[in-house]
N, C-alpha and C. Protein backbone atom coordinates (compact mmCIF):
# COMPACT_ATOMS: atom_id res chain seq x y z
N UNK A 1 -7.97 -51.72 -25.98
CA UNK A 1 -7.53 -50.52 -26.64
C UNK A 1 -6.63 -50.90 -27.81
N UNK A 2 -6.58 -50.01 -28.73
CA UNK A 2 -5.79 -50.30 -29.91
C UNK A 2 -4.31 -50.05 -29.63
N UNK A 3 -3.51 -50.56 -30.50
CA UNK A 3 -2.06 -50.44 -30.35
C UNK A 3 -1.60 -48.98 -30.45
N UNK A 4 -2.23 -48.16 -31.28
CA UNK A 4 -1.86 -46.76 -31.47
C UNK A 4 -2.15 -45.95 -30.20
N UNK A 5 -3.28 -46.25 -29.54
CA UNK A 5 -3.64 -45.53 -28.31
C UNK A 5 -2.64 -45.88 -27.20
N UNK A 6 -2.29 -47.14 -27.06
CA UNK A 6 -1.33 -47.55 -26.03
C UNK A 6 0.04 -46.93 -26.29
N UNK A 7 0.45 -46.84 -27.53
CA UNK A 7 1.73 -46.23 -27.86
C UNK A 7 1.71 -44.74 -27.51
N UNK A 8 0.61 -44.07 -27.80
CA UNK A 8 0.48 -42.65 -27.48
C UNK A 8 0.52 -42.42 -25.97
N UNK A 9 -0.18 -43.26 -25.21
CA UNK A 9 -0.18 -43.13 -23.74
C UNK A 9 1.21 -43.37 -23.19
N UNK A 10 1.92 -44.37 -23.71
CA UNK A 10 3.28 -44.64 -23.24
C UNK A 10 4.21 -43.47 -23.55
N UNK A 11 4.07 -42.87 -24.72
CA UNK A 11 4.91 -41.72 -25.07
C UNK A 11 4.60 -40.53 -24.16
N UNK A 12 3.32 -40.32 -23.84
CA UNK A 12 2.94 -39.21 -22.96
C UNK A 12 3.51 -39.41 -21.56
N UNK A 13 3.41 -40.61 -21.03
CA UNK A 13 3.95 -40.91 -19.69
C UNK A 13 5.46 -40.73 -19.70
N UNK A 14 6.13 -41.24 -20.75
CA UNK A 14 7.58 -41.08 -20.85
C UNK A 14 7.95 -39.60 -20.90
N UNK A 15 7.19 -38.80 -21.65
CA UNK A 15 7.47 -37.37 -21.75
C UNK A 15 7.32 -36.67 -20.40
N UNK A 16 6.25 -36.99 -19.65
CA UNK A 16 6.06 -36.37 -18.34
C UNK A 16 7.16 -36.77 -17.36
N UNK A 17 7.54 -38.03 -17.37
CA UNK A 17 8.61 -38.49 -16.47
C UNK A 17 9.93 -37.82 -16.85
N UNK A 18 10.21 -37.72 -18.13
CA UNK A 18 11.45 -37.08 -18.58
C UNK A 18 11.47 -35.60 -18.17
N UNK A 19 10.32 -34.91 -18.32
CA UNK A 19 10.27 -33.50 -17.90
C UNK A 19 10.46 -33.35 -16.40
N UNK A 20 9.91 -34.27 -15.61
CA UNK A 20 10.09 -34.21 -14.15
C UNK A 20 11.55 -34.42 -13.78
N UNK A 21 12.23 -35.33 -14.45
CA UNK A 21 13.65 -35.58 -14.17
C UNK A 21 14.48 -34.36 -14.54
N UNK A 22 14.20 -33.77 -15.68
CA UNK A 22 14.96 -32.59 -16.11
C UNK A 22 14.70 -31.42 -15.15
N UNK A 23 13.45 -31.24 -14.71
CA UNK A 23 13.14 -30.16 -13.77
C UNK A 23 13.86 -30.38 -12.44
N UNK A 24 13.92 -31.61 -11.96
CA UNK A 24 14.62 -31.90 -10.71
C UNK A 24 16.12 -31.64 -10.86
N UNK A 25 16.70 -32.00 -11.99
CA UNK A 25 18.12 -31.74 -12.23
C UNK A 25 18.39 -30.23 -12.27
N UNK A 26 17.52 -29.48 -12.94
CA UNK A 26 17.70 -28.02 -13.00
C UNK A 26 17.59 -27.41 -11.60
N UNK A 27 16.62 -27.87 -10.80
CA UNK A 27 16.47 -27.35 -9.44
C UNK A 27 17.71 -27.67 -8.61
N UNK A 28 18.27 -28.85 -8.78
CA UNK A 28 19.49 -29.21 -8.05
C UNK A 28 20.67 -28.36 -8.46
N UNK A 29 20.82 -28.10 -9.76
CA UNK A 29 21.92 -27.27 -10.24
C UNK A 29 21.77 -25.84 -9.72
N UNK A 30 20.54 -25.30 -9.75
CA UNK A 30 20.32 -23.95 -9.23
C UNK A 30 20.63 -23.88 -7.74
N UNK A 31 20.21 -24.89 -6.99
CA UNK A 31 20.50 -24.91 -5.55
C UNK A 31 22.00 -24.97 -5.30
N UNK A 32 22.72 -25.74 -6.08
CA UNK A 32 24.18 -25.83 -5.94
C UNK A 32 24.83 -24.49 -6.24
N UNK A 33 24.36 -23.78 -7.27
CA UNK A 33 24.91 -22.47 -7.61
C UNK A 33 24.66 -21.48 -6.47
N UNK A 34 23.46 -21.53 -5.89
CA UNK A 34 23.14 -20.62 -4.78
C UNK A 34 24.04 -20.89 -3.58
N UNK A 35 24.25 -22.14 -3.27
CA UNK A 35 25.11 -22.48 -2.13
C UNK A 35 26.54 -22.02 -2.38
N UNK A 36 27.06 -22.24 -3.59
CA UNK A 36 28.44 -21.83 -3.89
C UNK A 36 28.58 -20.31 -3.85
N UNK A 37 27.62 -19.59 -4.37
CA UNK A 37 27.70 -18.12 -4.34
C UNK A 37 27.58 -17.58 -2.92
N UNK A 38 26.77 -18.23 -2.09
CA UNK A 38 26.64 -17.79 -0.71
C UNK A 38 27.94 -17.99 0.06
N UNK A 39 28.67 -19.02 -0.25
CA UNK A 39 29.94 -19.25 0.45
C UNK A 39 31.01 -18.27 0.00
N UNK A 40 31.01 -17.89 -1.28
CA UNK A 40 32.06 -17.01 -1.77
C UNK A 40 31.79 -15.54 -1.46
N UNK A 41 30.55 -15.15 -1.26
CA UNK A 41 30.23 -13.75 -1.01
C UNK A 41 29.68 -13.59 0.41
N UNK A 42 30.57 -13.42 1.34
CA UNK A 42 30.16 -13.19 2.72
C UNK A 42 29.78 -11.73 2.88
N UNK A 43 28.58 -11.48 3.35
CA UNK A 43 28.11 -10.12 3.57
C UNK A 43 28.64 -9.61 4.90
N UNK A 44 29.05 -8.33 4.95
CA UNK A 44 29.51 -7.79 6.23
C UNK A 44 28.34 -7.71 7.21
N UNK A 45 28.62 -7.88 8.49
CA UNK A 45 27.53 -7.82 9.46
C UNK A 45 26.92 -6.42 9.51
N UNK A 46 25.63 -6.38 9.65
CA UNK A 46 24.91 -5.11 9.69
C UNK A 46 24.94 -4.59 11.12
N UNK A 47 25.41 -3.36 11.27
CA UNK A 47 25.48 -2.74 12.59
C UNK A 47 24.37 -1.71 12.67
N UNK A 48 23.57 -1.81 13.72
CA UNK A 48 22.46 -0.87 13.90
C UNK A 48 23.01 0.48 14.35
N UNK A 49 22.42 1.58 13.86
CA UNK A 49 22.87 2.89 14.31
C UNK A 49 22.52 3.09 15.78
N UNK A 50 23.28 3.94 16.47
CA UNK A 50 22.98 4.14 17.88
C UNK A 50 21.60 4.77 18.06
N UNK A 51 20.93 4.36 19.10
CA UNK A 51 19.59 4.83 19.39
C UNK A 51 19.65 6.11 20.20
N UNK A 52 18.97 7.14 19.75
CA UNK A 52 18.91 8.38 20.50
C UNK A 52 17.48 8.61 20.95
N UNK A 53 17.34 9.01 22.20
CA UNK A 53 16.03 9.24 22.78
C UNK A 53 15.99 10.66 23.32
N UNK A 54 14.95 11.39 22.97
CA UNK A 54 14.79 12.75 23.45
C UNK A 54 14.08 12.73 24.80
N UNK A 55 14.56 13.54 25.73
CA UNK A 55 13.90 13.60 27.04
C UNK A 55 12.85 14.70 27.07
N UNK A 56 12.82 15.55 26.04
CA UNK A 56 11.82 16.60 25.97
C UNK A 56 10.58 16.09 25.24
N UNK A 57 9.39 16.46 25.69
CA UNK A 57 8.20 16.01 24.98
C UNK A 57 8.09 16.69 23.63
N UNK A 58 7.39 16.06 22.75
CA UNK A 58 7.20 16.63 21.41
C UNK A 58 6.31 17.87 21.51
N UNK A 59 6.69 18.92 20.81
CA UNK A 59 5.93 20.16 20.86
C UNK A 59 4.71 20.05 19.96
N UNK A 60 3.55 20.30 20.53
CA UNK A 60 2.30 20.29 19.78
C UNK A 60 1.62 21.63 20.03
N UNK A 61 2.19 22.67 19.47
CA UNK A 61 1.73 24.02 19.74
C UNK A 61 0.81 24.48 18.61
N UNK A 62 -0.47 24.71 18.88
CA UNK A 62 -1.38 25.14 17.82
C UNK A 62 -0.98 26.46 17.18
N UNK A 63 -0.35 27.36 17.94
CA UNK A 63 0.07 28.63 17.36
C UNK A 63 1.17 28.41 16.32
N UNK A 64 2.06 27.48 16.57
CA UNK A 64 3.12 27.17 15.61
C UNK A 64 2.52 26.59 14.34
N UNK A 65 1.56 25.71 14.51
CA UNK A 65 0.91 25.10 13.35
C UNK A 65 0.18 26.18 12.54
N UNK A 66 -0.50 27.08 13.23
CA UNK A 66 -1.21 28.15 12.54
C UNK A 66 -0.24 29.05 11.79
N UNK A 67 0.90 29.34 12.39
CA UNK A 67 1.89 30.19 11.73
C UNK A 67 2.45 29.51 10.49
N UNK A 68 2.69 28.22 10.56
CA UNK A 68 3.22 27.49 9.41
C UNK A 68 2.19 27.46 8.28
N UNK A 69 0.93 27.20 8.62
CA UNK A 69 -0.11 27.17 7.59
C UNK A 69 -0.29 28.56 6.99
N UNK A 70 -0.28 29.58 7.83
CA UNK A 70 -0.39 30.95 7.32
C UNK A 70 0.75 31.32 6.40
N UNK A 71 1.97 30.91 6.75
CA UNK A 71 3.13 31.18 5.90
C UNK A 71 3.02 30.44 4.57
N UNK A 72 2.51 29.22 4.61
CA UNK A 72 2.34 28.45 3.37
C UNK A 72 1.29 29.10 2.47
N UNK A 73 0.20 29.59 3.07
CA UNK A 73 -0.84 30.26 2.28
C UNK A 73 -0.28 31.54 1.67
N UNK A 74 0.46 32.30 2.46
CA UNK A 74 1.03 33.55 1.95
C UNK A 74 2.05 33.28 0.84
N UNK A 75 2.86 32.24 1.01
CA UNK A 75 3.86 31.92 -0.01
C UNK A 75 3.19 31.41 -1.28
N UNK A 76 2.07 30.73 -1.15
CA UNK A 76 1.40 30.18 -2.31
C UNK A 76 0.58 31.24 -3.05
N UNK A 77 -0.22 31.99 -2.31
CA UNK A 77 -1.14 32.94 -2.94
C UNK A 77 -0.54 34.33 -3.07
N UNK A 78 0.41 34.68 -2.24
CA UNK A 78 1.08 35.96 -2.33
C UNK A 78 0.32 37.11 -1.69
N UNK A 79 -0.92 36.98 -1.43
CA UNK A 79 -1.71 38.06 -0.84
C UNK A 79 -1.97 37.72 0.63
N UNK A 80 -2.17 38.72 1.46
CA UNK A 80 -2.46 38.43 2.86
C UNK A 80 -3.83 37.76 3.01
N UNK A 81 -3.88 36.74 3.82
CA UNK A 81 -5.12 36.01 4.09
C UNK A 81 -5.26 35.84 5.59
N UNK A 82 -6.46 35.50 6.00
CA UNK A 82 -6.72 35.32 7.42
C UNK A 82 -7.22 33.90 7.64
N UNK A 83 -6.68 33.23 8.66
CA UNK A 83 -7.15 31.89 9.02
C UNK A 83 -8.37 32.07 9.90
N UNK A 84 -9.49 31.50 9.49
CA UNK A 84 -10.74 31.68 10.21
C UNK A 84 -10.83 30.71 11.39
N UNK A 85 -10.57 29.42 11.15
CA UNK A 85 -10.66 28.47 12.26
C UNK A 85 -9.89 27.21 11.93
N UNK A 86 -9.55 26.50 12.99
CA UNK A 86 -8.98 25.17 12.88
C UNK A 86 -9.94 24.22 13.55
N UNK A 87 -10.46 23.27 12.82
CA UNK A 87 -11.38 22.28 13.39
C UNK A 87 -11.21 20.99 12.61
N UNK A 88 -11.61 19.90 13.22
CA UNK A 88 -11.57 18.63 12.54
C UNK A 88 -12.60 18.63 11.42
N UNK A 89 -12.28 17.91 10.39
CA UNK A 89 -13.17 17.84 9.23
C UNK A 89 -14.41 17.03 9.60
N UNK A 90 -15.56 17.60 9.36
CA UNK A 90 -16.82 16.90 9.56
C UNK A 90 -17.35 16.47 8.20
N UNK A 91 -17.68 15.21 8.07
CA UNK A 91 -18.19 14.78 6.77
C UNK A 91 -19.49 15.51 6.44
N UNK A 92 -19.61 16.05 5.23
CA UNK A 92 -20.79 16.82 4.90
C UNK A 92 -22.02 15.98 4.61
N UNK A 93 -21.90 14.66 4.64
CA UNK A 93 -23.02 13.82 4.25
C UNK A 93 -24.20 13.96 5.20
N UNK A 94 -23.95 14.06 6.51
CA UNK A 94 -25.06 14.14 7.45
C UNK A 94 -25.83 15.45 7.26
N UNK A 95 -25.14 16.57 7.15
CA UNK A 95 -25.80 17.85 6.94
C UNK A 95 -26.50 17.89 5.58
N UNK A 96 -25.88 17.34 4.57
CA UNK A 96 -26.47 17.34 3.24
C UNK A 96 -27.77 16.53 3.25
N UNK A 97 -27.73 15.36 3.88
CA UNK A 97 -28.92 14.52 3.92
C UNK A 97 -30.04 15.21 4.70
N UNK A 98 -29.71 15.85 5.79
CA UNK A 98 -30.71 16.55 6.60
C UNK A 98 -31.33 17.69 5.79
N UNK A 99 -30.51 18.44 5.09
CA UNK A 99 -31.00 19.56 4.28
C UNK A 99 -31.90 19.08 3.16
N UNK A 100 -31.52 18.01 2.46
CA UNK A 100 -32.34 17.50 1.37
C UNK A 100 -33.65 16.93 1.89
N UNK A 101 -33.62 16.26 3.03
CA UNK A 101 -34.84 15.73 3.62
C UNK A 101 -35.78 16.87 3.98
N UNK A 102 -35.23 17.94 4.54
CA UNK A 102 -36.04 19.09 4.90
C UNK A 102 -36.66 19.73 3.66
N UNK A 103 -35.89 19.89 2.60
CA UNK A 103 -36.43 20.46 1.37
C UNK A 103 -37.51 19.57 0.77
N UNK A 104 -37.29 18.27 0.84
CA UNK A 104 -38.27 17.34 0.28
C UNK A 104 -39.58 17.42 1.05
N UNK A 105 -39.50 17.47 2.37
CA UNK A 105 -40.72 17.52 3.18
C UNK A 105 -41.47 18.84 3.00
N UNK A 106 -40.75 19.94 2.87
CA UNK A 106 -41.43 21.22 2.72
C UNK A 106 -42.00 21.40 1.32
N UNK A 107 -41.54 20.60 0.35
CA UNK A 107 -42.08 20.76 -1.00
C UNK A 107 -43.44 20.08 -1.14
N UNK A 108 -43.84 19.29 -0.16
CA UNK A 108 -45.11 18.57 -0.22
C UNK A 108 -46.14 19.19 0.72
N UNK A 109 -46.30 20.45 0.68
CA UNK A 109 -47.29 21.10 1.55
C UNK A 109 -48.68 20.90 0.95
N UNK A 110 -49.64 20.58 1.78
CA UNK A 110 -51.00 20.37 1.26
C UNK A 110 -51.62 21.68 0.79
N UNK A 111 -52.44 21.60 -0.24
CA UNK A 111 -53.11 22.78 -0.76
C UNK A 111 -54.38 23.04 0.05
N UNK A 112 -54.73 24.30 0.19
CA UNK A 112 -55.94 24.63 0.93
C UNK A 112 -57.01 25.10 0.02
């Protein structure tokens, strides 16, 4: 190899080693600062709040839920409304697919 290439490689290696030394020194200084700050700032011990346990079961009254929903509807819309039913949400995809399949099959009736 030529002299210029060897000089460039030596400078690159020296630069990387110098950066590693500087990074290690910075990490050591930061660690020292953290240790000193931790010693000077003692945090007060955290005390957990007292635990309270209810002996009564949780109320799950559908009439109460219906009354709350009815009151919210009345407060929002202002007019009297009637709650028709409470049921779990059924995804409409199954009914939609069945309906479309039925329409597709009935549209292909043979001609006589």
